[in-house]
């Protein structure tokens, strides 16, 4: 009976950040060891936290592959939208004078008269 899953993951495809973000979500049920392997590969060893746990290793391997793609895509989107997010934050906190009195007449269909306040 197999007690662990070992995967070789290409660092040219998946960054170290993507690996750690992905495998963090498996850490509740599994012990995950990530090490630098030969060439441009990471070696990942996955073992269940509890002894005598029955694991469908093929299903787990497929789930890991899906999660790697998911976190890789999140990383791509984050990098592509970084500039626009920075611009939005800068705009939100920019200092500028606000004109408190409107330059035009205020039209109010319900009869609220702001000059009385």
Foldseek 3Di string as FASTA:
>chain_A
DDFKDKDKAFCVQAPPVLVCVLCVVVVVFWDWDWADDPDRIIIIMIGGPDPPDDDPVVVVVVVSVVSSVVSSVVVVVCVVCVVVVVVVVCVVPPDDDDDPDDPDDDDDPVPDDVVVD
